[in-house]
N, C-alpha and C. Protein backbone atom coordinates (compact mmCIF):
# COMPACT_ATOMS: atom_id res chain seq x y z
N MET A 1 -51.69 -68.27 -83.85
CA MET A 1 -53.11 -68.52 -83.68
C MET A 1 -53.90 -68.09 -84.93
N ALA A 2 -53.49 -66.97 -85.55
CA ALA A 2 -54.17 -66.51 -86.76
C ALA A 2 -54.07 -67.55 -87.87
N TYR A 3 -52.91 -68.21 -87.92
CA TYR A 3 -52.69 -69.24 -88.94
C TYR A 3 -53.76 -70.33 -88.85
N PHE A 4 -54.06 -70.79 -87.65
CA PHE A 4 -55.03 -71.88 -87.49
C PHE A 4 -56.46 -71.43 -87.80
N TRP A 5 -56.80 -70.17 -87.50
CA TRP A 5 -58.12 -69.66 -87.84
C TRP A 5 -58.26 -69.51 -89.35
N ILE A 6 -57.21 -69.06 -89.99
CA ILE A 6 -57.25 -68.91 -91.45
C ILE A 6 -57.32 -70.28 -92.12
N LYS A 7 -56.54 -71.22 -91.60
CA LYS A 7 -56.57 -72.57 -92.15
C LYS A 7 -57.94 -73.22 -91.94
N THR A 8 -58.54 -73.00 -90.78
CA THR A 8 -59.88 -73.53 -90.49
C THR A 8 -60.89 -72.95 -91.48
N ALA A 9 -60.85 -71.64 -91.68
CA ALA A 9 -61.77 -71.01 -92.63
C ALA A 9 -61.55 -71.57 -94.04
N HIS A 10 -60.31 -71.71 -94.44
CA HIS A 10 -60.00 -72.27 -95.76
C HIS A 10 -60.62 -73.66 -95.91
N LEU A 11 -60.43 -74.51 -94.93
CA LEU A 11 -60.96 -75.88 -95.00
C LEU A 11 -62.49 -75.90 -95.02
N VAL A 12 -63.11 -75.07 -94.22
CA VAL A 12 -64.58 -75.02 -94.19
C VAL A 12 -65.12 -74.59 -95.55
N PHE A 13 -64.53 -73.56 -96.15
CA PHE A 13 -65.01 -73.10 -97.45
C PHE A 13 -64.68 -74.09 -98.56
N VAL A 14 -63.57 -74.81 -98.44
CA VAL A 14 -63.26 -75.87 -99.40
C VAL A 14 -64.32 -76.96 -99.32
N MET A 15 -64.68 -77.35 -98.10
CA MET A 15 -65.71 -78.39 -97.94
C MET A 15 -67.05 -77.94 -98.51
N ALA A 16 -67.40 -76.68 -98.29
CA ALA A 16 -68.66 -76.17 -98.83
C ALA A 16 -68.62 -76.16 -100.36
N TRP A 17 -67.48 -75.77 -100.94
CA TRP A 17 -67.35 -75.79 -102.39
C TRP A 17 -67.45 -77.22 -102.92
N MET A 18 -66.81 -78.15 -102.22
CA MET A 18 -66.83 -79.54 -102.67
C MET A 18 -68.25 -80.10 -102.67
N ALA A 19 -69.09 -79.64 -101.76
CA ALA A 19 -70.50 -80.08 -101.79
C ALA A 19 -71.12 -79.71 -103.13
N GLY A 20 -70.84 -78.50 -103.60
CA GLY A 20 -71.35 -78.09 -104.91
C GLY A 20 -70.71 -78.85 -106.05
N VAL A 21 -69.42 -79.09 -105.94
CA VAL A 21 -68.71 -79.83 -106.99
C VAL A 21 -69.28 -81.24 -107.13
N PHE A 22 -69.64 -81.85 -106.00
CA PHE A 22 -70.19 -83.21 -106.05
C PHE A 22 -71.66 -83.23 -106.46
N TYR A 23 -72.43 -82.21 -106.07
CA TYR A 23 -73.88 -82.28 -106.28
C TYR A 23 -74.33 -81.71 -107.62
N LEU A 24 -73.64 -80.71 -108.15
CA LEU A 24 -74.08 -80.12 -109.41
C LEU A 24 -74.13 -81.14 -110.56
N PRO A 25 -73.13 -82.00 -110.73
CA PRO A 25 -73.25 -83.02 -111.78
C PRO A 25 -74.41 -83.98 -111.54
N ARG A 26 -74.73 -84.22 -110.29
CA ARG A 26 -75.87 -85.10 -109.97
C ARG A 26 -77.17 -84.44 -110.42
N ILE A 27 -77.27 -83.12 -110.24
CA ILE A 27 -78.45 -82.40 -110.75
C ILE A 27 -78.53 -82.54 -112.26
N LEU A 28 -77.38 -82.50 -112.94
CA LEU A 28 -77.36 -82.66 -114.39
C LEU A 28 -77.83 -84.05 -114.78
N VAL A 29 -77.44 -85.07 -114.03
CA VAL A 29 -77.92 -86.43 -114.29
C VAL A 29 -79.44 -86.47 -114.19
N ASN A 30 -79.96 -85.88 -113.11
CA ASN A 30 -81.41 -85.86 -112.92
C ASN A 30 -82.11 -85.09 -114.05
N LEU A 31 -81.49 -84.00 -114.50
CA LEU A 31 -82.06 -83.26 -115.64
C LEU A 31 -82.09 -84.12 -116.90
N ALA A 32 -81.01 -84.84 -117.16
CA ALA A 32 -80.95 -85.69 -118.35
C ALA A 32 -81.99 -86.79 -118.29
N GLU A 33 -82.33 -87.23 -117.09
CA GLU A 33 -83.31 -88.31 -116.93
C GLU A 33 -84.73 -87.82 -116.70
N ALA A 34 -84.92 -86.50 -116.59
CA ALA A 34 -86.25 -85.95 -116.30
C ALA A 34 -87.18 -86.00 -117.49
N GLY A 35 -86.63 -86.19 -118.67
CA GLY A 35 -87.47 -86.23 -119.86
C GLY A 35 -88.09 -84.87 -120.15
N ASN A 36 -89.35 -84.89 -120.54
CA ASN A 36 -90.04 -83.65 -120.92
C ASN A 36 -91.01 -83.19 -119.84
N GLU A 37 -90.63 -83.35 -118.60
CA GLU A 37 -91.48 -82.88 -117.50
C GLU A 37 -91.05 -81.47 -117.13
N PRO A 38 -91.76 -80.46 -117.63
CA PRO A 38 -91.31 -79.07 -117.47
C PRO A 38 -91.18 -78.63 -116.01
N ALA A 39 -92.08 -79.05 -115.14
CA ALA A 39 -92.02 -78.62 -113.74
C ALA A 39 -90.78 -79.18 -113.06
N VAL A 40 -90.49 -80.44 -113.33
CA VAL A 40 -89.31 -81.08 -112.74
C VAL A 40 -88.04 -80.43 -113.28
N ARG A 41 -88.00 -80.23 -114.58
CA ARG A 41 -86.82 -79.61 -115.20
C ARG A 41 -86.60 -78.19 -114.66
N ALA A 42 -87.67 -77.42 -114.55
CA ALA A 42 -87.54 -76.05 -114.05
C ALA A 42 -87.02 -76.04 -112.62
N ARG A 43 -87.50 -76.95 -111.80
CA ARG A 43 -87.04 -77.03 -110.41
C ARG A 43 -85.56 -77.42 -110.35
N LEU A 44 -85.16 -78.39 -111.15
CA LEU A 44 -83.77 -78.83 -111.15
C LEU A 44 -82.84 -77.72 -111.66
N VAL A 45 -83.27 -76.99 -112.69
CA VAL A 45 -82.45 -75.89 -113.20
C VAL A 45 -82.31 -74.81 -112.14
N LEU A 46 -83.40 -74.50 -111.44
CA LEU A 46 -83.33 -73.51 -110.37
C LEU A 46 -82.38 -73.95 -109.26
N MET A 47 -82.49 -75.21 -108.85
CA MET A 47 -81.58 -75.74 -107.84
C MET A 47 -80.14 -75.67 -108.32
N GLY A 48 -79.92 -76.05 -109.57
CA GLY A 48 -78.57 -76.03 -110.14
C GLY A 48 -77.99 -74.63 -110.19
N ARG A 49 -78.81 -73.65 -110.61
CA ARG A 49 -78.32 -72.27 -110.67
C ARG A 49 -77.91 -71.77 -109.29
N ARG A 50 -78.75 -72.04 -108.30
CA ARG A 50 -78.45 -71.59 -106.94
C ARG A 50 -77.19 -72.28 -106.41
N LEU A 51 -77.07 -73.57 -106.69
CA LEU A 51 -75.90 -74.31 -106.23
C LEU A 51 -74.63 -73.81 -106.92
N TYR A 52 -74.73 -73.53 -108.21
CA TYR A 52 -73.57 -73.03 -108.96
C TYR A 52 -73.11 -71.68 -108.40
N ARG A 53 -74.05 -70.80 -108.12
CA ARG A 53 -73.72 -69.49 -107.53
C ARG A 53 -73.09 -69.68 -106.14
N PHE A 54 -73.70 -70.53 -105.33
CA PHE A 54 -73.16 -70.83 -103.99
C PHE A 54 -71.74 -71.39 -104.10
N GLY A 55 -71.55 -72.32 -105.04
CA GLY A 55 -70.23 -72.93 -105.22
C GLY A 55 -69.17 -71.92 -105.59
N HIS A 56 -69.53 -70.98 -106.45
CA HIS A 56 -68.55 -69.96 -106.83
C HIS A 56 -68.20 -69.05 -105.65
N MET A 57 -69.19 -68.72 -104.83
CA MET A 57 -68.89 -67.90 -103.64
C MET A 57 -67.98 -68.66 -102.68
N MET A 58 -68.26 -69.95 -102.47
CA MET A 58 -67.45 -70.75 -101.56
C MET A 58 -66.04 -70.92 -102.11
N PHE A 59 -65.92 -71.11 -103.44
CA PHE A 59 -64.59 -71.22 -104.02
C PHE A 59 -63.82 -69.92 -103.83
N GLY A 60 -64.48 -68.80 -104.05
CA GLY A 60 -63.81 -67.51 -103.89
C GLY A 60 -63.28 -67.31 -102.48
N LEU A 61 -64.08 -67.67 -101.49
CA LEU A 61 -63.64 -67.54 -100.10
C LEU A 61 -62.51 -68.52 -99.79
N ALA A 62 -62.65 -69.76 -100.27
CA ALA A 62 -61.59 -70.75 -100.05
C ALA A 62 -60.30 -70.29 -100.72
N PHE A 63 -60.42 -69.72 -101.91
CA PHE A 63 -59.26 -69.21 -102.63
C PHE A 63 -58.59 -68.08 -101.86
N ALA A 64 -59.39 -67.16 -101.35
CA ALA A 64 -58.84 -66.01 -100.61
C ALA A 64 -58.08 -66.47 -99.37
N PHE A 65 -58.68 -67.36 -98.60
CA PHE A 65 -58.00 -67.85 -97.40
C PHE A 65 -56.80 -68.71 -97.77
N GLY A 66 -56.90 -69.47 -98.86
CA GLY A 66 -55.76 -70.26 -99.32
C GLY A 66 -54.60 -69.39 -99.76
N LEU A 67 -54.91 -68.28 -100.39
CA LEU A 67 -53.88 -67.34 -100.80
C LEU A 67 -53.15 -66.77 -99.58
N VAL A 68 -53.90 -66.48 -98.54
CA VAL A 68 -53.27 -65.98 -97.30
C VAL A 68 -52.37 -67.08 -96.72
N LEU A 69 -52.83 -68.32 -96.74
CA LEU A 69 -52.00 -69.41 -96.23
C LEU A 69 -50.73 -69.56 -97.05
N TRP A 70 -50.83 -69.36 -98.34
CA TRP A 70 -49.70 -69.54 -99.24
C TRP A 70 -48.72 -68.37 -99.14
N LEU A 71 -49.26 -67.16 -99.13
CA LEU A 71 -48.39 -65.99 -99.22
C LEU A 71 -48.51 -65.03 -98.03
N GLY A 72 -49.16 -65.47 -96.97
CA GLY A 72 -49.38 -64.60 -95.82
C GLY A 72 -48.12 -64.13 -95.15
N TYR A 73 -47.04 -64.87 -95.30
CA TYR A 73 -45.77 -64.48 -94.68
C TYR A 73 -45.27 -63.14 -95.21
N LYS A 74 -45.75 -62.76 -96.41
CA LYS A 74 -45.31 -61.48 -96.98
C LYS A 74 -46.02 -60.30 -96.33
N VAL A 75 -47.15 -60.57 -95.68
CA VAL A 75 -47.96 -59.49 -95.10
C VAL A 75 -47.99 -59.56 -93.57
N LEU A 76 -48.14 -60.76 -93.05
CA LEU A 76 -48.27 -60.95 -91.61
C LEU A 76 -46.94 -61.38 -91.01
N PRO A 77 -46.46 -60.68 -90.01
CA PRO A 77 -45.18 -61.08 -89.40
C PRO A 77 -45.31 -62.43 -88.70
N ASP A 78 -44.26 -63.23 -88.74
CA ASP A 78 -44.19 -64.54 -88.11
C ASP A 78 -45.25 -65.52 -88.61
N PHE A 79 -45.74 -65.33 -89.83
CA PHE A 79 -46.74 -66.22 -90.39
C PHE A 79 -46.01 -67.38 -91.05
N PRO A 80 -46.41 -68.63 -90.75
CA PRO A 80 -45.74 -69.78 -91.38
C PRO A 80 -45.90 -69.74 -92.90
N THR A 81 -44.97 -70.31 -93.60
CA THR A 81 -45.02 -70.30 -95.06
C THR A 81 -44.94 -71.71 -95.63
N MET A 82 -45.52 -71.88 -96.79
CA MET A 82 -45.42 -73.15 -97.51
C MET A 82 -44.54 -72.98 -98.73
N VAL A 83 -43.95 -71.81 -98.87
CA VAL A 83 -43.11 -71.52 -100.02
C VAL A 83 -41.66 -71.86 -99.67
N GLY A 84 -41.00 -72.51 -100.57
CA GLY A 84 -39.60 -72.85 -100.35
C GLY A 84 -39.29 -74.22 -100.88
N PRO A 85 -38.10 -74.73 -100.56
CA PRO A 85 -37.73 -76.07 -101.02
C PRO A 85 -38.70 -77.12 -100.48
N GLY A 86 -39.00 -78.09 -101.28
CA GLY A 86 -39.89 -79.16 -100.85
C GLY A 86 -41.36 -78.80 -100.93
N ALA A 87 -41.70 -77.76 -101.69
CA ALA A 87 -43.09 -77.36 -101.82
C ALA A 87 -43.66 -77.71 -103.20
N GLY A 88 -43.04 -78.66 -103.87
CA GLY A 88 -43.55 -79.09 -105.17
C GLY A 88 -44.94 -79.68 -105.08
N TRP A 89 -45.23 -80.32 -103.95
CA TRP A 89 -46.56 -80.88 -103.73
C TRP A 89 -47.63 -79.80 -103.84
N LEU A 90 -47.30 -78.58 -103.39
CA LEU A 90 -48.27 -77.49 -103.40
C LEU A 90 -48.63 -77.10 -104.83
N HIS A 91 -47.63 -77.08 -105.71
CA HIS A 91 -47.90 -76.75 -107.10
C HIS A 91 -48.74 -77.84 -107.77
N ALA A 92 -48.46 -79.09 -107.44
CA ALA A 92 -49.26 -80.19 -107.98
C ALA A 92 -50.70 -80.10 -107.46
N LYS A 93 -50.84 -79.78 -106.18
CA LYS A 93 -52.18 -79.64 -105.59
C LYS A 93 -52.93 -78.51 -106.29
N LEU A 94 -52.28 -77.38 -106.49
CA LEU A 94 -52.94 -76.25 -107.13
C LEU A 94 -53.35 -76.59 -108.56
N ALA A 95 -52.55 -77.36 -109.26
CA ALA A 95 -52.91 -77.79 -110.62
C ALA A 95 -54.17 -78.65 -110.58
N LEU A 96 -54.26 -79.54 -109.60
CA LEU A 96 -55.45 -80.38 -109.48
C LEU A 96 -56.68 -79.56 -109.08
N VAL A 97 -56.48 -78.55 -108.25
CA VAL A 97 -57.59 -77.66 -107.88
C VAL A 97 -58.08 -76.91 -109.13
N VAL A 98 -57.17 -76.50 -109.99
CA VAL A 98 -57.57 -75.84 -111.23
C VAL A 98 -58.41 -76.79 -112.08
N LEU A 99 -58.00 -78.06 -112.16
CA LEU A 99 -58.79 -79.05 -112.90
C LEU A 99 -60.18 -79.21 -112.28
N MET A 100 -60.24 -79.19 -110.95
CA MET A 100 -61.53 -79.30 -110.26
C MET A 100 -62.40 -78.08 -110.59
N LEU A 101 -61.80 -76.90 -110.63
CA LEU A 101 -62.55 -75.69 -110.98
C LEU A 101 -63.04 -75.76 -112.43
N VAL A 102 -62.22 -76.28 -113.32
CA VAL A 102 -62.63 -76.45 -114.71
C VAL A 102 -63.82 -77.40 -114.78
N HIS A 103 -63.76 -78.48 -114.04
CA HIS A 103 -64.87 -79.45 -113.98
C HIS A 103 -66.15 -78.76 -113.52
N PHE A 104 -66.06 -77.98 -112.46
CA PHE A 104 -67.21 -77.27 -111.91
C PHE A 104 -67.76 -76.27 -112.93
N THR A 105 -66.87 -75.58 -113.63
CA THR A 105 -67.28 -74.59 -114.62
C THR A 105 -67.96 -75.26 -115.81
N VAL A 106 -67.44 -76.40 -116.24
CA VAL A 106 -68.07 -77.15 -117.34
C VAL A 106 -69.49 -77.56 -116.93
N ALA A 107 -69.64 -78.05 -115.71
CA ALA A 107 -70.98 -78.42 -115.23
C ALA A 107 -71.91 -77.21 -115.24
N GLY A 108 -71.40 -76.06 -114.83
CA GLY A 108 -72.20 -74.85 -114.84
C GLY A 108 -72.59 -74.42 -116.24
N ARG A 109 -71.68 -74.58 -117.19
CA ARG A 109 -71.99 -74.21 -118.59
C ARG A 109 -73.03 -75.16 -119.17
N TRP A 110 -72.94 -76.44 -118.83
CA TRP A 110 -73.97 -77.38 -119.28
C TRP A 110 -75.33 -77.00 -118.71
N LEU A 111 -75.34 -76.60 -117.45
CA LEU A 111 -76.59 -76.17 -116.82
C LEU A 111 -77.15 -74.94 -117.53
N LYS A 112 -76.30 -73.97 -117.83
CA LYS A 112 -76.76 -72.78 -118.55
C LYS A 112 -77.24 -73.15 -119.96
N GLY A 113 -76.63 -74.16 -120.54
CA GLY A 113 -77.05 -74.62 -121.86
C GLY A 113 -78.44 -75.19 -121.86
N VAL A 114 -78.84 -75.80 -120.76
CA VAL A 114 -80.20 -76.34 -120.65
C VAL A 114 -81.20 -75.20 -120.80
N ASP A 115 -80.93 -74.07 -120.16
CA ASP A 115 -81.80 -72.89 -120.29
C ASP A 115 -81.87 -72.40 -121.73
N ALA A 116 -80.79 -72.57 -122.46
CA ALA A 116 -80.72 -72.11 -123.85
C ALA A 116 -81.27 -73.14 -124.82
N GLY A 117 -81.74 -74.28 -124.30
CA GLY A 117 -82.33 -75.30 -125.16
C GLY A 117 -81.36 -76.33 -125.67
N ARG A 118 -80.11 -76.29 -125.23
CA ARG A 118 -79.13 -77.29 -125.68
C ARG A 118 -79.35 -78.59 -124.90
N THR A 119 -78.98 -79.68 -125.53
CA THR A 119 -79.13 -80.97 -124.88
C THR A 119 -77.90 -81.29 -124.05
N LEU A 120 -78.10 -82.08 -123.03
CA LEU A 120 -77.01 -82.53 -122.17
C LEU A 120 -76.40 -83.81 -122.71
N PRO A 121 -75.19 -84.14 -122.29
CA PRO A 121 -74.67 -85.48 -122.60
C PRO A 121 -75.61 -86.54 -122.00
N SER A 122 -75.41 -87.77 -122.34
CA SER A 122 -76.26 -88.84 -121.82
C SER A 122 -76.12 -88.94 -120.30
N SER A 123 -77.11 -89.53 -119.67
CA SER A 123 -77.04 -89.67 -118.21
C SER A 123 -75.87 -90.58 -117.81
N LYS A 124 -75.54 -91.54 -118.67
CA LYS A 124 -74.39 -92.40 -118.38
C LYS A 124 -73.09 -91.60 -118.41
N ALA A 125 -72.93 -90.75 -119.42
CA ALA A 125 -71.73 -89.90 -119.51
C ALA A 125 -71.68 -88.94 -118.32
N LEU A 126 -72.83 -88.40 -117.94
CA LEU A 126 -72.88 -87.49 -116.80
C LEU A 126 -72.55 -88.21 -115.49
N ARG A 127 -72.93 -89.47 -115.39
CA ARG A 127 -72.58 -90.25 -114.18
C ARG A 127 -71.06 -90.42 -114.09
N TRP A 128 -70.40 -90.67 -115.22
CA TRP A 128 -68.93 -90.76 -115.21
C TRP A 128 -68.31 -89.41 -114.88
N PHE A 129 -68.89 -88.37 -115.46
CA PHE A 129 -68.42 -87.01 -115.18
C PHE A 129 -68.56 -86.70 -113.70
N ASN A 130 -69.59 -87.22 -113.07
CA ASN A 130 -69.85 -87.02 -111.65
C ASN A 130 -68.77 -87.65 -110.77
N GLU A 131 -68.08 -88.66 -111.27
CA GLU A 131 -67.08 -89.37 -110.46
C GLU A 131 -65.69 -88.73 -110.53
N LEU A 132 -65.44 -87.91 -111.52
CA LEU A 132 -64.10 -87.32 -111.67
C LEU A 132 -63.63 -86.52 -110.45
N PRO A 133 -64.49 -85.71 -109.82
CA PRO A 133 -64.02 -84.94 -108.67
C PRO A 133 -63.57 -85.82 -107.50
N VAL A 134 -64.13 -87.01 -107.38
CA VAL A 134 -63.71 -87.90 -106.30
C VAL A 134 -62.24 -88.28 -106.48
N LEU A 135 -61.87 -88.62 -107.71
CA LEU A 135 -60.48 -88.99 -107.98
C LEU A 135 -59.55 -87.80 -107.75
N LEU A 136 -59.98 -86.62 -108.20
CA LEU A 136 -59.16 -85.43 -107.98
C LEU A 136 -59.02 -85.13 -106.49
N LEU A 137 -60.11 -85.26 -105.76
CA LEU A 137 -60.05 -84.98 -104.32
C LEU A 137 -59.13 -85.95 -103.59
N VAL A 138 -59.16 -87.21 -103.94
CA VAL A 138 -58.27 -88.19 -103.31
C VAL A 138 -56.82 -87.79 -103.56
N ALA A 139 -56.50 -87.42 -104.79
CA ALA A 139 -55.13 -87.00 -105.11
C ALA A 139 -54.74 -85.73 -104.35
N ILE A 140 -55.66 -84.78 -104.26
CA ILE A 140 -55.39 -83.52 -103.55
C ILE A 140 -55.14 -83.79 -102.07
N VAL A 141 -55.99 -84.58 -101.45
CA VAL A 141 -55.82 -84.88 -100.02
C VAL A 141 -54.51 -85.62 -99.79
N PHE A 142 -54.18 -86.56 -100.67
CA PHE A 142 -52.91 -87.28 -100.54
C PHE A 142 -51.74 -86.29 -100.59
N LEU A 143 -51.75 -85.40 -101.57
CA LEU A 143 -50.65 -84.43 -101.69
C LEU A 143 -50.53 -83.55 -100.45
N VAL A 144 -51.66 -83.11 -99.93
CA VAL A 144 -51.63 -82.23 -98.75
C VAL A 144 -51.10 -82.98 -97.52
N LEU A 145 -51.54 -84.21 -97.34
CA LEU A 145 -51.14 -84.96 -96.15
C LEU A 145 -49.72 -85.52 -96.26
N ALA A 146 -49.37 -86.08 -97.41
CA ALA A 146 -48.09 -86.75 -97.55
C ALA A 146 -46.95 -85.81 -97.94
N LYS A 147 -47.29 -84.73 -98.65
CA LYS A 147 -46.28 -83.78 -99.15
C LYS A 147 -45.08 -84.57 -99.73
N PRO A 148 -45.36 -85.40 -100.77
CA PRO A 148 -44.33 -86.33 -101.26
C PRO A 148 -43.13 -85.69 -101.96
N PHE A 149 -43.25 -84.45 -102.39
CA PHE A 149 -42.11 -83.81 -103.08
C PHE A 149 -42.18 -82.32 -102.90
């Protein structure tokens, strides 16, 4: 029963993090298109900062619960494990999650750069950047559901 509660918490925090992963680049697009409207830019930067902080908290919680799912058998008796033969999918999934975290961190650094007076990439480039997490998420979900290797 503990396994299902931990897995539920992991999934909920992953979904919350993904909301930030999807929305932060959209805020960057809006910033790039806001021009020189200081009130709009200030509001978007504030929203972005709050979302970035929220996203990091959600990632941390998702990571903690994911770690328990991955290695909980070492601490909790009779806890199911994903470690062993046929768990190559898990390593591939974790690599894609790292790429997703890098994407999120890059978006956060661009947001911090706006405060420092640096310019953002074009709104077109940011729109493409906004689509990358969708592709990563599709691959991650496929690996989790199909466990192909």
